[in-house]
N, C-alpha and C. Protein backbone atom coordinates (compact mmCIF):
# COMPACT_ATOMS: atom_id res chain seq x y z
N MET A 1 37.65 114.83 155.68
CA MET A 1 38.78 115.65 155.25
C MET A 1 40.05 115.15 155.92
N VAL A 2 41.10 115.03 155.15
CA VAL A 2 42.38 114.53 155.66
C VAL A 2 43.22 115.70 156.14
N ASN A 3 43.74 115.57 157.34
CA ASN A 3 44.61 116.60 157.88
C ASN A 3 46.01 116.40 157.32
N GLU A 4 46.49 117.36 156.54
CA GLU A 4 47.79 117.24 155.88
C GLU A 4 48.96 117.51 156.82
N ASN A 5 48.70 118.05 158.00
CA ASN A 5 49.77 118.36 158.93
C ASN A 5 50.28 117.13 159.68
N ILE A 6 49.47 116.08 159.71
CA ILE A 6 49.88 114.86 160.40
C ILE A 6 50.77 114.06 159.47
N ALA A 7 52.01 113.86 159.89
CA ALA A 7 52.97 113.12 159.08
C ALA A 7 52.95 111.65 159.49
N LYS A 8 52.81 110.77 158.50
CA LYS A 8 52.82 109.34 158.77
C LYS A 8 54.27 108.90 158.94
N LYS A 9 54.52 108.11 159.97
CA LYS A 9 55.87 107.63 160.24
C LYS A 9 56.22 106.54 159.24
N GLU A 10 57.32 106.73 158.50
CA GLU A 10 57.76 105.76 157.51
C GLU A 10 58.52 104.64 158.19
N ARG A 11 58.26 103.43 157.77
CA ARG A 11 59.02 102.29 158.27
C ARG A 11 60.24 102.13 157.39
N LYS A 12 61.43 102.13 158.00
CA LYS A 12 62.69 102.02 157.27
C LYS A 12 63.46 100.82 157.79
N PHE A 13 64.10 100.09 156.86
CA PHE A 13 64.89 98.94 157.23
C PHE A 13 66.21 98.93 156.48
N THR A 14 67.17 98.20 157.02
CA THR A 14 68.45 97.96 156.38
C THR A 14 68.63 96.45 156.30
N GLY A 15 69.00 95.96 155.12
CA GLY A 15 69.14 94.52 154.95
C GLY A 15 70.17 94.17 153.90
N VAL A 16 70.28 92.87 153.62
CA VAL A 16 71.23 92.35 152.65
C VAL A 16 70.46 91.65 151.55
N VAL A 17 70.82 91.93 150.29
CA VAL A 17 70.13 91.33 149.14
C VAL A 17 70.52 89.85 149.06
N VAL A 18 69.49 88.99 149.01
CA VAL A 18 69.73 87.55 148.89
C VAL A 18 69.32 87.02 147.52
N SER A 19 68.50 87.78 146.78
CA SER A 19 68.10 87.36 145.44
C SER A 19 67.83 88.58 144.58
N ALA A 20 68.33 88.53 143.33
CA ALA A 20 68.08 89.60 142.36
C ALA A 20 67.70 88.98 141.02
N ALA A 21 67.04 87.84 141.04
CA ALA A 21 66.74 87.09 139.82
C ALA A 21 65.54 87.66 139.07
N MET A 22 64.62 88.35 139.76
CA MET A 22 63.43 88.89 139.12
C MET A 22 63.73 90.26 138.52
N THR A 23 62.93 90.68 137.54
CA THR A 23 63.11 91.99 136.96
C THR A 23 62.43 93.03 137.84
N LYS A 24 63.13 94.09 138.18
CA LYS A 24 62.65 95.20 139.00
C LYS A 24 62.25 94.79 140.42
N THR A 25 62.64 93.60 140.85
CA THR A 25 62.33 93.14 142.20
C THR A 25 63.55 92.46 142.80
N ILE A 26 63.84 92.78 144.05
CA ILE A 26 64.91 92.10 144.78
C ILE A 26 64.32 91.58 146.09
N VAL A 27 65.00 90.58 146.64
CA VAL A 27 64.59 90.02 147.93
C VAL A 27 65.73 90.30 148.90
N ALA A 28 65.39 90.92 150.04
CA ALA A 28 66.39 91.26 151.04
C ALA A 28 66.05 90.60 152.36
N LYS A 29 67.08 90.22 153.10
CA LYS A 29 66.91 89.61 154.41
C LYS A 29 67.29 90.62 155.47
N VAL A 30 66.41 90.77 156.47
CA VAL A 30 66.66 91.68 157.59
C VAL A 30 66.76 90.85 158.86
N ASP A 31 67.87 90.99 159.57
CA ASP A 31 68.08 90.30 160.84
C ASP A 31 67.83 91.25 161.99
N THR A 32 67.04 90.81 162.96
CA THR A 32 66.81 91.59 164.17
C THR A 32 67.08 90.72 165.38
N MET A 33 67.44 91.36 166.49
CA MET A 33 67.68 90.65 167.74
C MET A 33 66.48 90.88 168.65
N LYS A 34 65.95 89.80 169.21
CA LYS A 34 64.82 89.88 170.13
C LYS A 34 65.23 89.32 171.48
N LEU A 35 64.58 89.79 172.50
CA LEU A 35 64.85 89.33 173.86
C LEU A 35 63.79 88.33 174.28
N HIS A 36 64.23 87.17 174.73
CA HIS A 36 63.29 86.16 175.19
C HIS A 36 62.66 86.62 176.50
N SER A 37 61.33 86.51 176.59
CA SER A 37 60.62 87.06 177.74
C SER A 37 60.93 86.32 179.04
N LYS A 38 61.14 85.03 178.99
CA LYS A 38 61.38 84.26 180.21
C LYS A 38 62.87 84.15 180.55
N TYR A 39 63.68 83.81 179.55
CA TYR A 39 65.10 83.52 179.81
C TYR A 39 66.01 84.72 179.66
N LYS A 40 65.48 85.85 179.18
CA LYS A 40 66.25 87.09 179.05
C LYS A 40 67.52 86.92 178.21
N LYS A 41 67.43 86.08 177.20
CA LYS A 41 68.55 85.90 176.27
C LYS A 41 68.13 86.47 174.93
N PHE A 42 69.10 87.00 174.19
CA PHE A 42 68.82 87.52 172.86
C PHE A 42 68.92 86.40 171.83
N TYR A 43 68.03 86.44 170.84
CA TYR A 43 68.08 85.50 169.73
C TYR A 43 67.80 86.25 168.44
N LYS A 44 68.30 85.67 167.35
CA LYS A 44 68.21 86.34 166.05
C LYS A 44 66.96 85.89 165.30
N VAL A 45 66.24 86.86 164.73
CA VAL A 45 65.07 86.60 163.92
C VAL A 45 65.32 87.20 162.53
N SER A 46 65.11 86.39 161.49
CA SER A 46 65.32 86.85 160.12
C SER A 46 63.99 86.92 159.39
N ARG A 47 63.86 87.91 158.51
CA ARG A 47 62.66 88.04 157.70
C ARG A 47 63.05 88.54 156.31
N LYS A 48 62.36 88.05 155.28
CA LYS A 48 62.66 88.45 153.91
C LYS A 48 61.58 89.40 153.41
N TYR A 49 62.01 90.39 152.64
CA TYR A 49 61.10 91.38 152.06
C TYR A 49 61.33 91.46 150.56
N HIS A 50 60.24 91.59 149.79
CA HIS A 50 60.31 91.83 148.35
C HIS A 50 60.32 93.34 148.15
N ILE A 51 61.32 93.84 147.43
CA ILE A 51 61.55 95.27 147.30
C ILE A 51 61.58 95.66 145.83
N HIS A 52 60.94 96.80 145.51
CA HIS A 52 60.92 97.32 144.14
C HIS A 52 62.23 98.04 143.84
N ASP A 53 62.93 97.56 142.83
CA ASP A 53 64.19 98.15 142.37
C ASP A 53 63.99 98.53 140.90
N ALA A 54 63.53 99.76 140.66
CA ALA A 54 63.14 100.19 139.31
C ALA A 54 64.30 100.15 138.32
N LYS A 55 65.49 100.52 138.76
CA LYS A 55 66.64 100.58 137.86
C LYS A 55 67.41 99.26 137.77
N GLY A 56 67.16 98.35 138.68
CA GLY A 56 67.86 97.06 138.67
C GLY A 56 69.32 97.18 139.06
N GLU A 57 69.64 98.07 139.99
CA GLU A 57 71.03 98.32 140.38
C GLU A 57 71.57 97.34 141.42
N ALA A 58 70.72 96.87 142.32
CA ALA A 58 71.18 96.06 143.45
C ALA A 58 71.56 94.65 143.00
N LYS A 59 72.64 94.14 143.55
CA LYS A 59 73.12 92.80 143.26
C LYS A 59 73.13 91.98 144.56
N VAL A 60 73.27 90.68 144.43
CA VAL A 60 73.29 89.80 145.59
C VAL A 60 74.50 90.14 146.46
N GLY A 61 74.26 90.29 147.76
CA GLY A 61 75.32 90.61 148.71
C GLY A 61 75.41 92.07 149.08
N ASP A 62 74.71 92.95 148.34
CA ASP A 62 74.73 94.39 148.64
C ASP A 62 73.93 94.68 149.91
N LYS A 63 74.42 95.66 150.68
CA LYS A 63 73.65 96.17 151.80
C LYS A 63 72.79 97.31 151.28
N ILE A 64 71.50 97.29 151.65
CA ILE A 64 70.57 98.29 151.12
C ILE A 64 69.71 98.88 152.22
N LYS A 65 69.13 100.04 151.91
CA LYS A 65 68.13 100.67 152.77
C LYS A 65 66.84 100.76 151.96
N PHE A 66 65.71 100.47 152.60
CA PHE A 66 64.43 100.53 151.90
C PHE A 66 63.34 101.01 152.84
N VAL A 67 62.27 101.56 152.23
CA VAL A 67 61.16 102.13 153.00
C VAL A 67 59.84 101.55 152.51
N GLU A 68 58.82 101.71 153.33
CA GLU A 68 57.49 101.23 153.00
C GLU A 68 56.84 102.14 151.97
N CYS A 69 56.05 101.56 151.08
CA CYS A 69 55.32 102.33 150.07
C CYS A 69 53.97 101.67 149.82
N ARG A 70 53.25 102.18 148.85
CA ARG A 70 51.96 101.60 148.51
C ARG A 70 52.17 100.20 147.94
N PRO A 71 51.16 99.32 147.99
CA PRO A 71 51.31 97.99 147.41
C PRO A 71 51.54 98.05 145.89
N LEU A 72 52.62 97.43 145.46
CA LEU A 72 52.96 97.40 144.04
C LEU A 72 52.58 96.06 143.40
N SER A 73 52.48 95.02 144.20
CA SER A 73 52.03 93.72 143.74
C SER A 73 51.53 92.95 144.96
N LYS A 74 51.30 91.66 144.81
CA LYS A 74 50.79 90.86 145.92
C LYS A 74 51.77 90.84 147.11
N THR A 75 53.06 90.80 146.83
CA THR A 75 54.05 90.71 147.91
C THR A 75 54.93 91.95 148.06
N LYS A 76 54.96 92.84 147.06
CA LYS A 76 55.84 94.01 147.11
C LYS A 76 55.15 95.20 147.75
N ARG A 77 55.68 95.63 148.90
CA ARG A 77 55.19 96.83 149.58
C ARG A 77 56.35 97.72 150.02
N TRP A 78 57.51 97.53 149.42
CA TRP A 78 58.72 98.25 149.82
C TRP A 78 59.41 98.82 148.60
N ARG A 79 60.14 99.92 148.79
CA ARG A 79 60.84 100.62 147.71
C ARG A 79 62.28 100.85 148.12
N LEU A 80 63.20 100.56 147.22
CA LEU A 80 64.63 100.74 147.46
C LEU A 80 64.96 102.23 147.51
N THR A 81 65.73 102.64 148.53
CA THR A 81 66.13 104.04 148.63
C THR A 81 67.63 104.23 148.42
N GLU A 82 68.44 103.27 148.88
CA GLU A 82 69.89 103.48 148.83
C GLU A 82 70.61 102.16 148.88
N ILE A 83 71.73 102.07 148.14
CA ILE A 83 72.61 100.92 148.21
C ILE A 83 73.85 101.37 148.98
N THR A 84 74.13 100.70 150.11
CA THR A 84 75.22 101.12 150.99
C THR A 84 76.26 100.02 151.14
N LYS A 85 76.71 99.45 150.06
CA LYS A 85 77.64 98.32 150.05
C LYS A 85 78.38 98.27 151.33
């Protein structure tokens, strides 16, 4: 039996759209800063995510917010929530 009172923590990210060539799918790049364990310097790490955009609203260069969802395809596990140009 699943306990309905336990809320699963949603993973949320903010990124920039780098590709909108596919139908209902966009690719966004998320930049994060990490601290090097030995040298204690910050460095930038980038990662791309395939995001489901049902309405096709997002364009290249838009800032967006997206959350984790069920797998929609082999690479799509994210859903667009907001465009925050």
